[in-house]
Structures are given as C-alpha cells and as structure tokens.
N, C-alpha and C. Protein backbone atom coordinates (compact mmCIF):
# COMPACT_ATOMS: atom_id res chain seq x y z
N UNK A 1 60.89 -9.82 9.94
CA UNK A 1 59.34 -8.79 9.63
C UNK A 1 59.65 -8.38 10.41
N UNK A 2 59.78 -7.08 10.27
CA UNK A 2 59.57 -5.87 11.51
C UNK A 2 58.19 -5.29 12.86
N UNK A 3 57.84 -6.47 12.50
CA UNK A 3 56.39 -6.50 13.61
C UNK A 3 55.23 -5.31 13.18
N UNK A 4 55.30 -6.13 12.13
CA UNK A 4 54.02 -5.05 12.11
C UNK A 4 52.56 -6.57 11.71
N UNK A 5 51.59 -5.76 11.83
CA UNK A 5 51.16 -6.71 11.35
C UNK A 5 50.35 -6.56 10.06
N UNK A 6 50.27 -7.40 9.44
CA UNK A 6 49.42 -7.88 8.78
C UNK A 6 47.79 -7.54 9.26
N UNK A 7 47.04 -7.58 8.37
CA UNK A 7 45.59 -7.02 8.61
C UNK A 7 45.44 -8.71 7.36
N UNK A 8 44.47 -8.73 7.27
CA UNK A 8 42.92 -9.58 6.77
C UNK A 8 42.16 -9.46 6.21
N UNK A 9 41.97 -8.97 5.02
CA UNK A 9 40.34 -8.52 4.61
C UNK A 9 39.42 -8.87 4.92
N UNK A 10 38.45 -8.86 5.85
CA UNK A 10 36.96 -9.49 6.39
C UNK A 10 36.55 -10.08 4.47
N UNK A 11 36.67 -10.71 4.81
CA UNK A 11 35.79 -11.17 3.17
C UNK A 11 34.10 -11.34 3.69
N UNK A 12 33.80 -10.54 2.48
CA UNK A 12 32.61 -9.64 2.37
C UNK A 12 32.37 -11.36 0.86
N UNK A 13 30.67 -12.01 1.79
CA UNK A 13 30.95 -12.39 0.22
C UNK A 13 29.41 -11.77 -0.58
N UNK A 14 29.28 -12.70 -1.92
CA UNK A 14 28.53 -11.56 -3.18
C UNK A 14 27.31 -11.92 -2.46
N UNK A 15 25.82 -10.93 -2.25
CA UNK A 15 24.39 -11.25 -2.11
C UNK A 15 24.23 -12.79 -2.75
N UNK A 16 23.44 -13.20 -2.30
CA UNK A 16 23.15 -15.24 -3.10
C UNK A 16 21.72 -14.08 -3.57
N UNK A 17 22.23 -14.11 -4.91
CA UNK A 17 21.55 -13.82 -6.53
C UNK A 17 19.73 -15.40 -6.08
N UNK A 18 20.19 -16.67 -5.52
CA UNK A 18 18.90 -17.34 -5.16
C UNK A 18 18.76 -18.84 -5.00
N UNK A 19 17.57 -18.40 -3.80
CA UNK A 19 17.35 -19.47 -2.76
C UNK A 19 16.55 -20.68 -3.86
N UNK A 20 16.65 -21.67 -3.29
CA UNK A 20 15.74 -22.95 -4.12
C UNK A 20 15.37 -23.33 -2.30
N UNK A 21 14.51 -23.65 -3.03
CA UNK A 21 13.46 -24.99 -2.57
C UNK A 21 13.56 -26.47 -2.34
N UNK A 22 14.42 -27.17 -1.52
CA UNK A 22 14.14 -28.29 -2.41
C UNK A 22 13.42 -29.03 -0.71
N UNK A 23 13.72 -30.62 -0.38
CA UNK A 23 13.11 -31.37 0.43
C UNK A 23 14.10 -31.73 1.37
N UNK A 24 14.82 -30.95 1.36
CA UNK A 24 16.28 -30.59 1.69
C UNK A 24 16.06 -29.62 3.10
N UNK A 25 15.27 -28.03 3.00
CA UNK A 25 15.32 -26.91 3.37
C UNK A 25 15.60 -26.60 1.95
N UNK A 26 15.69 -25.00 2.38
CA UNK A 26 15.87 -23.73 1.24
C UNK A 26 18.04 -23.72 1.83
N UNK A 27 17.84 -23.75 0.24
CA UNK A 27 19.03 -23.64 -0.56
C UNK A 27 19.14 -22.09 -1.16
N UNK A 28 20.79 -22.38 -0.07
CA UNK A 28 21.63 -20.35 0.43
C UNK A 28 23.10 -20.40 -0.23
N UNK A 29 23.07 -20.28 -1.58
CA UNK A 29 24.41 -20.56 -2.01
C UNK A 29 24.77 -21.89 -1.52
N UNK A 30 26.38 -22.11 -1.10
CA UNK A 30 26.46 -23.86 -0.24
C UNK A 30 26.31 -23.55 0.92
N UNK A 31 24.68 -23.69 0.99
CA UNK A 31 24.38 -23.55 2.58
C UNK A 31 22.64 -24.04 2.58
N UNK A 32 22.43 -24.97 3.44
CA UNK A 32 20.82 -25.71 3.68
C UNK A 32 20.93 -25.69 4.98
N UNK A 33 19.31 -23.92 4.81
CA UNK A 33 19.10 -24.52 5.64
C UNK A 33 17.49 -24.60 6.41
N UNK A 34 18.07 -24.46 7.17
CA UNK A 34 16.25 -25.37 8.15
C UNK A 34 15.16 -25.13 6.87
N UNK A 35 13.74 -25.47 7.60
CA UNK A 35 12.53 -24.26 7.18
C UNK A 35 11.58 -25.73 6.84
N UNK A 36 10.42 -24.35 6.71
CA UNK A 36 9.61 -25.09 7.64
C UNK A 36 8.12 -24.08 5.55
N UNK A 37 7.58 -24.70 5.73
CA UNK A 37 6.28 -24.28 4.41
C UNK A 37 5.55 -24.72 5.14
N UNK A 38 4.44 -24.23 4.09
CA UNK A 38 2.88 -24.37 4.43
C UNK A 38 2.11 -25.68 4.94
N UNK A 39 0.94 -25.32 5.30
CA UNK A 39 1.07 -26.93 6.09
C UNK A 39 -0.35 -27.45 4.98
N UNK A 40 -0.14 -26.75 3.61
CA UNK A 40 -0.72 -27.50 2.60
C UNK A 40 0.16 -28.07 1.23
N UNK A 41 0.71 -27.86 1.88
CA UNK A 41 2.43 -27.91 0.73
C UNK A 41 2.38 -27.14 -0.11
N UNK A 42 3.89 -28.29 -1.07
CA UNK A 42 3.55 -26.84 -1.62
C UNK A 42 2.53 -26.59 -3.68
N UNK A 43 1.68 -25.42 -4.05
CA UNK A 43 1.26 -25.78 -5.00
C UNK A 43 1.38 -24.91 -5.97
N UNK A 44 1.14 -25.82 -7.51
CA UNK A 44 1.20 -25.22 -8.38
C UNK A 44 -0.06 -24.50 -8.32
N UNK A 45 -1.07 -24.42 -8.21
CA UNK A 45 -2.49 -24.03 -8.23
C UNK A 45 -2.26 -23.79 -7.18
N UNK A 46 -2.10 -22.35 -6.36
CA UNK A 46 -1.79 -21.79 -5.21
C UNK A 46 -3.54 -20.74 -4.80
N UNK A 47 -3.94 -20.98 -3.77
CA UNK A 47 -4.83 -20.33 -4.45
C UNK A 47 -5.47 -19.89 -2.44
N UNK A 48 -5.79 -18.54 -2.50
CA UNK A 48 -5.76 -18.08 -0.84
C UNK A 48 -6.93 -19.45 0.38
N UNK A 49 -5.84 -18.65 1.31
CA UNK A 49 -7.30 -20.27 2.05
C UNK A 49 -6.45 -21.21 2.29
N UNK A 50 -6.07 -21.61 1.24
CA UNK A 50 -4.98 -23.69 1.24
C UNK A 50 -4.28 -23.39 1.50
N UNK A 51 -3.59 -23.21 2.73
CA UNK A 51 -2.03 -23.30 3.93
C UNK A 51 -1.20 -23.92 2.37
N UNK A 52 -1.66 -23.21 1.35
CA UNK A 52 0.25 -23.99 0.94
C UNK A 52 0.76 -22.66 0.28
N UNK A 53 2.33 -23.40 -0.68
CA UNK A 53 3.33 -22.35 0.01
C UNK A 53 2.88 -21.88 -1.74
N UNK A 54 3.70 -21.91 -2.96
CA UNK A 54 2.84 -21.44 -3.57
C UNK A 54 4.78 -22.44 -4.86
N UNK A 55 4.27 -22.73 -5.75
CA UNK A 55 4.93 -23.12 -6.47
C UNK A 55 5.41 -22.38 -7.57
N UNK A 56 6.78 -21.64 -8.15
CA UNK A 56 7.15 -20.41 -8.97
C UNK A 56 8.59 -20.10 -8.64
N UNK A 57 8.91 -18.58 -9.28
CA UNK A 57 10.23 -17.67 -9.31
C UNK A 57 8.74 -16.88 -8.69
N UNK A 58 9.53 -16.54 -7.25
CA UNK A 58 9.25 -15.00 -6.16
C UNK A 58 11.25 -14.42 -6.70
N UNK A 59 10.94 -13.59 -6.80
CA UNK A 59 12.18 -12.08 -5.65
C UNK A 59 11.67 -11.76 -4.12
N UNK A 60 12.34 -11.11 -4.38
CA UNK A 60 12.72 -10.63 -2.84
C UNK A 60 12.23 -8.80 -3.08
N UNK A 61 11.22 -8.56 -2.50
CA UNK A 61 11.15 -6.99 -3.22
C UNK A 61 11.29 -5.69 -1.98
N UNK A 62 11.40 -6.33 -0.57
CA UNK A 62 11.64 -5.85 0.61
C UNK A 62 12.03 -6.55 1.90
N UNK A 63 12.72 -5.94 3.40
CA UNK A 63 12.62 -5.82 4.42
C UNK A 63 12.10 -5.56 5.54
N UNK A 64 10.49 -6.24 6.26
CA UNK A 64 10.81 -5.62 7.09
C UNK A 64 10.65 -5.99 8.54
N UNK A 65 10.76 -4.66 9.58
CA UNK A 65 11.55 -5.41 10.35
C UNK A 65 10.92 -4.71 11.90
N UNK A 66 10.74 -5.58 13.07
CA UNK A 66 10.05 -4.47 14.48
C UNK A 66 11.17 -3.22 14.75
N UNK A 67 10.88 -2.45 14.80
CA UNK A 67 12.24 -1.58 15.15
C UNK A 67 12.22 -1.05 16.50
N UNK A 68 10.72 -1.83 17.16
CA UNK A 68 11.06 -2.08 19.11
C UNK A 68 11.71 -3.27 19.55
N UNK A 69 11.92 -3.94 18.48
CA UNK A 69 12.46 -5.85 19.12
C UNK A 69 14.08 -5.75 18.69
N UNK A 70 14.39 -4.77 17.59
CA UNK A 70 15.56 -5.33 16.86
C UNK A 70 16.27 -3.88 16.40
N UNK A 71 17.36 -3.82 15.18
CA UNK A 71 17.69 -2.96 14.42
C UNK A 71 17.95 -2.99 13.21
N UNK A 72 17.64 -2.25 12.33
CA UNK A 72 17.44 -2.40 11.27
C UNK A 72 18.58 -3.04 10.74
N UNK A 73 17.86 -4.98 10.01
CA UNK A 73 18.98 -5.30 9.66
C UNK A 73 19.34 -5.93 8.01
N UNK A 74 19.61 -4.88 7.09
CA UNK A 74 20.20 -4.27 6.44
C UNK A 74 18.83 -2.62 5.91
N UNK A 75 20.78 -1.78 5.85
CA UNK A 75 19.83 -0.76 4.92
C UNK A 75 19.02 0.00 3.93
N UNK A 76 18.67 -1.14 4.07
CA UNK A 76 17.19 -0.57 2.74
C UNK A 76 15.46 -1.28 3.51
N UNK A 77 15.78 -1.20 4.44
CA UNK A 77 14.58 -2.76 5.45
C UNK A 77 14.11 -1.55 5.92
N UNK A 78 12.34 -1.74 6.01
CA UNK A 78 11.67 -0.90 6.67
C UNK A 78 10.95 -0.86 8.06
N UNK A 79 10.42 -0.39 8.65
CA UNK A 79 9.86 -0.89 10.12
C UNK A 79 8.45 -1.26 9.68
N UNK A 80 8.45 -1.44 11.09
CA UNK A 80 6.57 -2.47 10.83
C UNK A 80 5.75 -1.50 12.12
N UNK A 81 5.11 -0.76 11.75
CA UNK A 81 4.66 0.16 12.96
C UNK A 81 3.17 -0.89 13.39
N UNK A 82 2.74 -0.29 14.57
CA UNK A 82 1.87 -0.88 15.23
C UNK A 82 0.38 -1.17 14.30
N UNK A 83 0.16 -0.34 13.21
CA UNK A 83 -0.98 0.15 12.56
C UNK A 83 -0.99 -0.72 10.83
N UNK A 84 0.11 -1.34 10.90
CA UNK A 84 0.18 -2.37 9.40
C UNK A 84 -0.34 -3.24 9.38
N UNK A 85 -0.81 -3.24 8.74
CA UNK A 85 -1.86 -4.36 7.82
C UNK A 85 -1.13 -4.80 6.80
N UNK A 86 -1.68 -6.58 5.96
CA UNK A 86 -1.29 -7.04 5.19
C UNK A 86 -2.51 -7.18 4.19
N UNK A 87 -3.63 -6.19 2.90
CA UNK A 87 -4.47 -6.80 3.25
C UNK A 87 -4.55 -8.65 2.34
N UNK A 88 -5.29 -9.55 2.76
CA UNK A 88 -5.69 -10.85 1.96
C UNK A 88 -6.93 -11.07 1.73
N UNK A 89 -7.52 -9.46 2.03
CA UNK A 89 -9.40 -9.85 1.51
C UNK A 89 -9.64 -9.51 -0.44
N UNK A 90 -9.32 -11.36 -0.60
CA UNK A 90 -9.84 -11.84 -1.69
C UNK A 90 -10.87 -10.08 -3.50
N UNK A 91 -12.11 -9.62 -1.96
CA UNK A 91 -12.47 -8.20 -3.09
C UNK A 91 -12.15 -6.89 -2.52
N UNK A 92 -11.31 -7.18 -1.41
CA UNK A 92 -10.34 -6.11 -1.58
C UNK A 92 -9.40 -5.28 -2.46
N UNK A 93 -10.10 -3.87 -3.15
CA UNK A 93 -8.72 -3.22 -4.52
C UNK A 93 -7.03 -3.28 -4.30
N UNK A 94 -6.83 -3.24 -2.76
CA UNK A 94 -5.45 -3.51 -2.53
C UNK A 94 -5.28 -4.98 -1.93
N UNK A 95 -6.02 -5.81 -2.75
CA UNK A 95 -5.80 -7.47 -2.50
C UNK A 95 -4.23 -7.80 -2.13
N UNK A 96 -3.90 -8.56 -1.74
CA UNK A 96 -2.61 -8.43 -1.26
C UNK A 96 -1.12 -7.54 -1.37
N UNK A 97 -1.84 -6.56 -0.49
CA UNK A 97 -0.60 -4.73 -0.43
C UNK A 97 -0.68 -4.96 0.63
N UNK A 98 -0.12 -4.10 0.97
CA UNK A 98 -0.08 -3.21 2.57
C UNK A 98 -1.00 -2.32 3.14
N UNK A 99 -1.32 -2.24 3.77
CA UNK A 99 -2.94 -1.21 5.03
C UNK A 99 -2.23 -0.89 5.45
N UNK A 100 -2.96 0.19 6.30
CA UNK A 100 -2.74 0.68 6.75
C UNK A 100 -4.69 0.98 8.35
N UNK A 101 -4.30 0.21 9.24
CA UNK A 101 -5.80 -0.06 10.50
C UNK A 101 -5.74 0.78 10.57
N UNK A 102 -7.50 2.03 10.62
CA UNK A 102 -8.23 0.64 10.90
C UNK A 102 -8.29 -0.29 8.91
N UNK A 103 -8.72 -0.77 8.76
CA UNK A 103 -9.18 -1.29 6.59
C UNK A 103 -10.12 -1.26 7.15
N UNK A 104 -11.33 -1.39 6.02
CA UNK A 104 -12.25 -2.23 5.76
C UNK A 104 -13.10 -3.66 5.34
N UNK A 105 -11.66 -4.48 4.84
CA UNK A 105 -12.19 -5.72 4.60
C UNK A 105 -11.11 -6.72 5.55
N UNK A 106 -11.08 -7.96 5.69
CA UNK A 106 -9.84 -8.67 6.51
C UNK A 106 -8.25 -8.89 6.27
N UNK A 107 -7.08 -8.48 7.13
CA UNK A 107 -6.44 -7.67 6.80
C UNK A 107 -4.89 -8.88 7.85
N UNK A 108 -4.17 -8.55 7.05
CA UNK A 108 -3.09 -9.32 8.39
C UNK A 108 -2.27 -8.46 9.30
N UNK A 109 -2.41 -7.72 9.76
CA UNK A 109 -1.50 -7.52 11.90
C UNK A 109 -0.55 -8.09 11.28
N UNK A 110 0.89 -7.06 11.03
CA UNK A 110 2.19 -7.01 10.86
C UNK A 110 2.60 -7.35 12.18
N UNK A 111 2.07 -6.03 12.67
CA UNK A 111 2.61 -6.22 14.33
C UNK A 111 2.24 -6.90 15.15
N UNK A 112 2.54 -8.28 15.62
CA UNK A 112 2.40 -9.09 16.19
C UNK A 112 2.30 -9.09 17.49
N UNK A 113 1.89 -9.84 18.60
CA UNK A 113 1.76 -10.18 20.31
C UNK A 113 3.45 -11.41 19.68
N UNK A 114 3.37 -12.57 18.66
CA UNK A 114 4.13 -13.31 19.27
C UNK A 114 5.03 -12.84 18.09
N UNK A 115 6.76 -13.76 17.51
CA UNK A 115 8.01 -13.29 16.73
C UNK A 115 8.01 -13.05 15.62
N UNK A 116 6.73 -14.00 15.12
CA UNK A 116 6.81 -14.89 13.86
C UNK A 116 7.43 -13.36 13.06
N UNK A 117 7.00 -11.96 13.00
CA UNK A 117 7.03 -11.57 12.39
C UNK A 117 8.11 -10.03 12.70
N UNK A 118 8.90 -10.66 13.19
CA UNK A 118 9.69 -9.60 13.52
C UNK A 118 10.50 -9.07 12.25
N UNK A 119 11.08 -9.93 11.77
CA UNK A 119 11.55 -10.06 10.65
C UNK A 119 10.75 -10.71 9.02
N UNK A 120 10.58 -9.85 8.06
CA UNK A 120 10.15 -10.58 6.97
C UNK A 120 10.39 -9.86 6.16
N UNK A 121 10.87 -11.32 4.88
CA UNK A 121 10.61 -10.78 3.29
C UNK A 121 9.78 -11.23 2.55
N UNK A 122 9.72 -9.40 2.11
CA UNK A 122 8.34 -9.70 1.03
C UNK A 122 8.57 -9.86 -0.72
N UNK A 123 7.99 -10.85 -0.53
CA UNK A 123 8.44 -11.58 -1.98
C UNK A 123 7.18 -10.17 -3.18
N UNK A 124 7.58 -10.97 -4.27
CA UNK A 124 6.25 -10.16 -5.04
C UNK A 124 5.58 -11.78 -5.69
N UNK A 125 4.82 -12.37 -4.82
CA UNK A 125 4.18 -12.97 -5.71
C UNK A 125 2.17 -12.63 -5.71
N UNK A 126 2.13 -12.92 -6.34
CA UNK A 126 1.05 -12.43 -7.45
C UNK A 126 1.13 -10.59 -6.70
N UNK A 127 2.09 -10.11 -7.46
CA UNK A 127 2.13 -8.66 -7.46
C UNK A 127 1.30 -7.80 -8.09
N UNK A 128 0.33 -8.96 -9.18
CA UNK A 128 -0.52 -7.93 -9.37
C UNK A 128 -1.58 -8.26 -8.93
N UNK A 129 -2.25 -8.63 -7.29
CA UNK A 129 -3.22 -8.98 -7.22
C UNK A 129 -4.52 -9.59 -7.57
N UNK A 130 -3.99 -10.95 -8.55
CA UNK A 130 -5.13 -10.95 -8.35
C UNK A 130 -6.01 -12.39 -7.44
N UNK A 131 -7.38 -11.92 -7.43
CA UNK A 131 -8.25 -12.43 -6.19
C UNK A 131 -8.15 -14.28 -6.00
N UNK A 132 -8.29 -14.02 -4.98
CA UNK A 132 -7.53 -15.84 -4.74
C UNK A 132 -7.00 -15.93 -5.14
N UNK A 133 -5.29 -15.34 -5.80
CA UNK A 133 -4.70 -16.06 -5.83
C UNK A 133 -3.74 -16.49 -5.00
N UNK A 134 -4.15 -16.04 -3.43
CA UNK A 134 -3.02 -15.60 -2.40
C UNK A 134 -2.24 -14.55 -1.62
N UNK A 135 -2.37 -14.18 -1.05
CA UNK A 135 -1.92 -13.39 -0.54
C UNK A 135 -0.64 -13.55 0.81
N UNK A 136 0.16 -12.33 0.35
CA UNK A 136 0.80 -12.20 1.83
C UNK A 136 2.06 -13.87 2.51
N UNK A 137 2.68 -13.58 0.90
CA UNK A 137 3.83 -14.75 1.29
C UNK A 137 4.30 -14.59 1.38
N UNK A 138 5.21 -14.45 2.34
CA UNK A 138 6.23 -13.80 2.71
C UNK A 138 7.68 -15.30 3.11
N UNK A 139 8.96 -14.02 4.05
CA UNK A 139 9.67 -15.38 4.36
C UNK A 139 9.66 -14.73 5.65
N UNK A 140 9.23 -16.19 7.36
CA UNK A 140 9.87 -14.86 7.99
C UNK A 140 10.19 -16.56 8.67
N UNK A 141 9.77 -15.68 10.84
CA UNK A 141 10.48 -16.63 11.68
C UNK A 141 9.44 -17.44 11.72
N UNK A 142 9.94 -18.58 11.97
CA UNK A 142 8.86 -19.72 12.26
C UNK A 142 9.73 -19.98 13.81
N UNK A 143 8.10 -21.17 13.97
CA UNK A 143 7.41 -21.49 15.28
C UNK A 143 8.12 -22.40 15.40
N UNK A 144 8.82 -23.24 14.58
CA UNK A 144 9.73 -24.84 15.74
C UNK A 144 10.04 -25.11 14.06
N UNK A 145 11.26 -26.82 13.95
CA UNK A 145 10.58 -27.41 13.19
C UNK A 145 9.56 -28.23 12.38
N UNK A 146 8.67 -28.51 13.68
CA UNK A 146 7.57 -29.23 12.42
C UNK A 146 6.30 -28.64 12.78
N UNK A 147 6.93 -27.67 12.45
CA UNK A 147 5.40 -26.01 12.61
C UNK A 147 5.50 -25.14 11.50
N UNK A 148 3.72 -26.22 10.42
CA UNK A 148 4.12 -25.73 9.16
C UNK A 148 3.46 -23.78 9.84
N UNK A 149 3.51 -23.47 8.19
CA UNK A 149 2.71 -22.06 7.71
C UNK A 149 1.47 -22.13 7.85
N UNK A 150 0.89 -20.44 6.82
CA UNK A 150 -0.51 -21.54 6.02
C UNK A 150 -0.26 -20.82 4.55
N UNK A 151 1.48 -20.50 3.96
CA UNK A 151 1.38 -21.02 2.91
C UNK A 151 3.65 -19.97 2.61
N UNK A 152 3.72 -19.77 3.81
CA UNK A 152 5.21 -18.53 3.63
C UNK A 152 6.41 -19.52 3.63
N UNK A 153 7.42 -19.34 3.60
CA UNK A 153 8.14 -20.21 4.04
C UNK A 153 9.28 -19.61 5.48
N UNK A 154 9.55 -20.26 6.60
CA UNK A 154 9.74 -20.11 7.53
C UNK A 154 11.27 -19.99 7.99
N UNK A 155 11.54 -19.93 8.70
CA UNK A 155 13.28 -20.08 8.95
C UNK A 155 13.52 -19.92 10.70
N UNK A 156 14.17 -20.82 11.21
CA UNK A 156 14.85 -19.96 12.62
C UNK A 156 15.54 -19.14 12.72
N UNK A 157 15.18 -18.50 13.25
CA UNK A 157 15.56 -16.36 13.93
C UNK A 157 16.88 -16.85 12.60
N UNK A 158 18.05 -17.63 13.81
CA UNK A 158 19.42 -16.85 13.62
C UNK A 158 19.43 -17.50 11.83
N UNK A 159 19.09 -18.52 11.02
CA UNK A 159 18.70 -18.95 9.87
C UNK A 159 18.68 -17.22 9.22
N UNK A 160 17.65 -16.62 9.39
CA UNK A 160 16.09 -15.34 9.04
C UNK A 160 17.82 -14.03 8.86
N UNK A 161 17.91 -13.94 10.57
CA UNK A 161 19.35 -12.98 10.16
C UNK A 161 20.58 -12.92 8.92
N UNK A 162 20.62 -14.43 9.05
CA UNK A 162 22.04 -14.54 8.51
C UNK A 162 20.83 -14.73 7.27
N UNK A 163 20.41 -15.34 6.01
CA UNK A 163 19.56 -14.85 5.30
C UNK A 163 19.55 -13.30 4.94
N UNK A 164 18.98 -12.79 5.85
CA UNK A 164 18.36 -11.50 5.21
C UNK A 164 19.55 -10.04 4.68
N UNK A 165 21.23 -10.60 5.51
CA UNK A 165 22.21 -10.46 5.69
C UNK A 165 22.82 -10.42 3.93
N UNK A 166 22.30 -11.60 3.26
CA UNK A 166 22.98 -11.98 2.44
C UNK A 166 22.53 -11.13 1.31
N UNK A 167 21.54 -10.73 0.88
CA UNK A 167 20.05 -10.68 0.05
C UNK A 167 19.83 -9.21 -0.85
N UNK A 168 19.33 -8.93 -1.42
CA UNK A 168 19.20 -7.52 -2.44
C UNK A 168 18.05 -8.17 -2.99
N UNK A 169 18.03 -6.43 -2.77
CA UNK A 169 16.32 -6.68 -3.54
C UNK A 169 16.46 -7.40 -5.31
N UNK A 170 15.10 -8.06 -5.71
CA UNK A 170 15.45 -8.97 -6.76
C UNK A 170 16.44 -10.18 -6.48
N UNK A 171 16.50 -10.86 -5.28
CA UNK A 171 17.00 -12.40 -5.37
C UNK A 171 15.86 -13.22 -5.19
N UNK A 172 15.87 -14.05 -6.04
CA UNK A 172 15.13 -14.96 -6.09
C UNK A 172 14.50 -16.29 -5.90
N UNK A 173 13.30 -16.66 -5.62
CA UNK A 173 13.40 -17.86 -3.73
C UNK A 173 12.53 -18.38 -5.49
N UNK A 174 13.29 -19.64 -5.34
CA UNK A 174 12.86 -20.43 -6.60
C UNK A 174 11.98 -22.31 -5.37
N UNK A 175 10.66 -22.28 -5.71
CA UNK A 175 10.53 -23.10 -5.52
C UNK A 175 9.70 -24.41 -6.40
N UNK A 176 9.39 -25.43 -6.39
CA UNK A 176 10.35 -26.51 -7.68
C UNK A 176 8.48 -26.56 -7.41
N UNK A 177 8.11 -26.58 -8.99
CA UNK A 177 6.95 -27.38 -8.82
C UNK A 177 6.85 -28.86 -8.75
N UNK A 178 8.11 -29.36 -8.93
CA UNK A 178 8.50 -30.93 -8.96
C UNK A 178 8.16 -31.27 -7.28
N UNK A 179 7.92 -30.11 -6.18
CA UNK A 179 7.62 -30.23 -5.18
C UNK A 179 6.04 -30.47 -5.02
N UNK A 180 5.08 -30.19 -5.79
CA UNK A 180 3.88 -29.93 -5.86
C UNK A 180 3.53 -31.57 -4.77
N UNK A 181 3.30 -32.47 -4.50
CA UNK A 181 2.72 -33.72 -4.26
C UNK A 181 1.30 -33.59 -4.75
N UNK A 182 0.34 -32.74 -4.63
CA UNK A 182 -0.91 -33.24 -5.30
C UNK A 182 -0.84 -33.37 -6.91
N UNK A 183 0.32 -33.02 -7.54
CA UNK A 183 -0.12 -33.08 -8.93
C UNK A 183 -0.16 -34.65 -9.11
N UNK A 184 -0.47 -34.85 -9.98
CA UNK A 184 -0.65 -36.27 -11.18
C UNK A 184 0.03 -36.75 -12.03
N UNK A 185 1.22 -37.75 -11.61
CA UNK A 185 2.51 -38.29 -12.42
C UNK A 185 1.91 -38.67 -13.97
N UNK A 186 2.20 -38.41 -14.32
CA UNK A 186 1.74 -39.52 -15.75
C UNK A 186 2.41 -39.75 -15.87
N UNK A 187 1.55 -41.78 -16.06
CA UNK A 187 2.31 -42.45 -16.90
C UNK A 187 2.65 -42.63 -17.85
N UNK A 188 4.41 -43.11 -18.44
CA UNK A 188 5.47 -43.09 -19.49
C UNK A 188 3.53 -43.74 -21.04
N UNK A 189 3.70 -43.18 -22.06
CA UNK A 189 3.21 -44.69 -23.24
C UNK A 189 2.02 -43.93 -22.95
C-alpha cells in the first residue's frame, strides 16, 4: 500500500418510518427504547384529563426545543419561547393547538421550569381539535422509569435525543389497541 489512508464513509441510517409502542418499550427500527406512558394506560376511547395514552396511529408533525438549554437538534425544529403554550381547554376554539400567553382558556406552558419539555416531538393526535378527545399528546423527556405521564410517551433524555435525530415529519407512531387493558375480551362462541 502507498500509505494512503482509506476513509470509511460514515454510515447514515435511513430515517425511521415507524415507531411502535409495545409492552417492553418503544421500538425504533431494531432498537427498543425504554419509555413511560400515561397513568391511565393505553385507551382506545381517549378523553381529555383521563391520563391515558391514546391507541392509534399518529404522525410526528414537528419538534420543539428549549433554545436557552440546547442547540437545535434537527434543522426542522422550532424553539420554544417563554410565552408558548398548548391549549387544553375543550371549550376554546384553539383546543389542541399551540397558543401564546396571555391566553383566555386553560393551556399548558411549554417553557417549563423542569426539563420535561426541553425537547418535544409533536404529534397529530386529535389534529381536528375535537373537543374533549385529548390534547397535548407529545413524546418528551421522562421523569423516570416508574413515573407515568398525563398521556404522552416519555423517554430518557439520551434516548429521546437519539430518536429525534432519526425521525422526519410524517414518521408514524403506532400505539396498538391491544395494549388497552380497559377493553373487554370477548369470549369465543
């Protein structure tokens, strides 16, 4: 050999097309990511305030991040500002939509004092804003392995950062109805 270095091309994995929630965590390609879900478990009939993670197929629609705490994780991420909210008031016209403070109805503050919302994957759960069908269903940082959410899917910080770098808008999140423990199983016959 002539002493030349042979450079290996850094393999870039294809964007993940589907994430699937299972009893053992969130499957992302061939990886299993530990996660927590809503304190109400998985529900097919999701309602505002029930603490459940809705069953179904959602799509990732965006990424929000705290610019005062981190750099943009992907080029399509949008920073969270101090007045940014998410409307969770079923009586409000802007239900399940981003909002700005001051806001006349109930709304969740996105620029939280803790780090749960430093990085958020937005989803299209209840994109039509049907009053009472659930709002602010995100993928975000967890409090810990045994700490449920109010309905979101939550991941350890490093797993969330890894995941965000491998997604694109439109990535599907599957939450199987079979995980809904409130549904009665029909007996055969």
